[in-house]
Amino acid sequence: MSYRTIGKQLGEKATTVGTIIRKWKKFKMTANLPRSGAPCKISPRGASMIMRKVRDQPRTTLQDLVNDLKRAGTTVSKKTISNTLSRHGLKFCSARKVPLLKPAHVQASLKFANDHLDDPEEEWEKIMWSDETKIELYGLNSTHRVWSKKDEYNPKNTIPTVKHGGINIILWGCFSAKGTGRLHRIEGRMDGAMYREIFANNLLPSVRALKMGRGWVFQHDNDPKHTARATKEWLCKKHLKVLEWPSQSPDLNPIEIFGGS
């Protein structure tokens, strides 16, 4: 039958019938073939330029990149640049806040990690982790957005933070692999005497409630109240083993990850 006759029977145009038949003869299929789509407005050189820019300056905005390409002779929209960065695995996300560390802090944390790299899991299960946390009740937390790949950690993509005042409450807590201990709200300014009261009224009862048994290890950071002579004497008197801890290393403390904000 002719294309016209087939078209009348199927209710299609003769040109449509002819296109389908020719496609079958050539490709042995009638489904739509993959299309190349519209050509990319950003050349490979332009894409390399914006990738290099966001790697060096992660806080670069889409408008900054639009302006850079325009100066280079290419006019594109923010959406086009966003699509290009997405194809390279980058997304615009909020910068993480991390403590402001000195090189000595970094080296001490690395040494601790290497020293305990091969510790068996059973040793970690004996540790009672503890920390104080300040919860801001009011105030603004400034954020900055950066270009980053998923689950990528890069110091350029972080915001160093320091401790500051404000309207807040302060809590002390502890936990181990066996579960969470008591949560204590700190009233007023905590000194060494109050910290030792927390040991007697919250830490030791938590150890007993969780059935930590003999040989458990206590962890706290290097806050002056924690390292005071009276505090060390109290711990020694109770025959408590304390995990040696590097300064400014919240990333090593699971209570900072699981028990934080």
Foldseek 3Di string as FASTA:
>chain_A
DALPVVCVVVVHDSVVSVVQVVCCVVPVDRDDDDDPPDDQQADPVLLVVVVVVQVVQFLDDLVNSQVVVVVVPGHDDSVSNQVSLVVVQKDKAWFAEAADDDPVLVVVLVVVCVVCVPPDPVQQQLEKEKDKAKDAPDDDDDITIGIDGPPDDDVSRHHHDDDDDHDTWMKMWIAGPLGTWDIDTDPDDDALVNVVVCCVPTVVVRCVVSVSDPPHEYEDAVDVSCPPPVNVVSCVVVVHHYDDDRHRCVVVGVCCVVVND
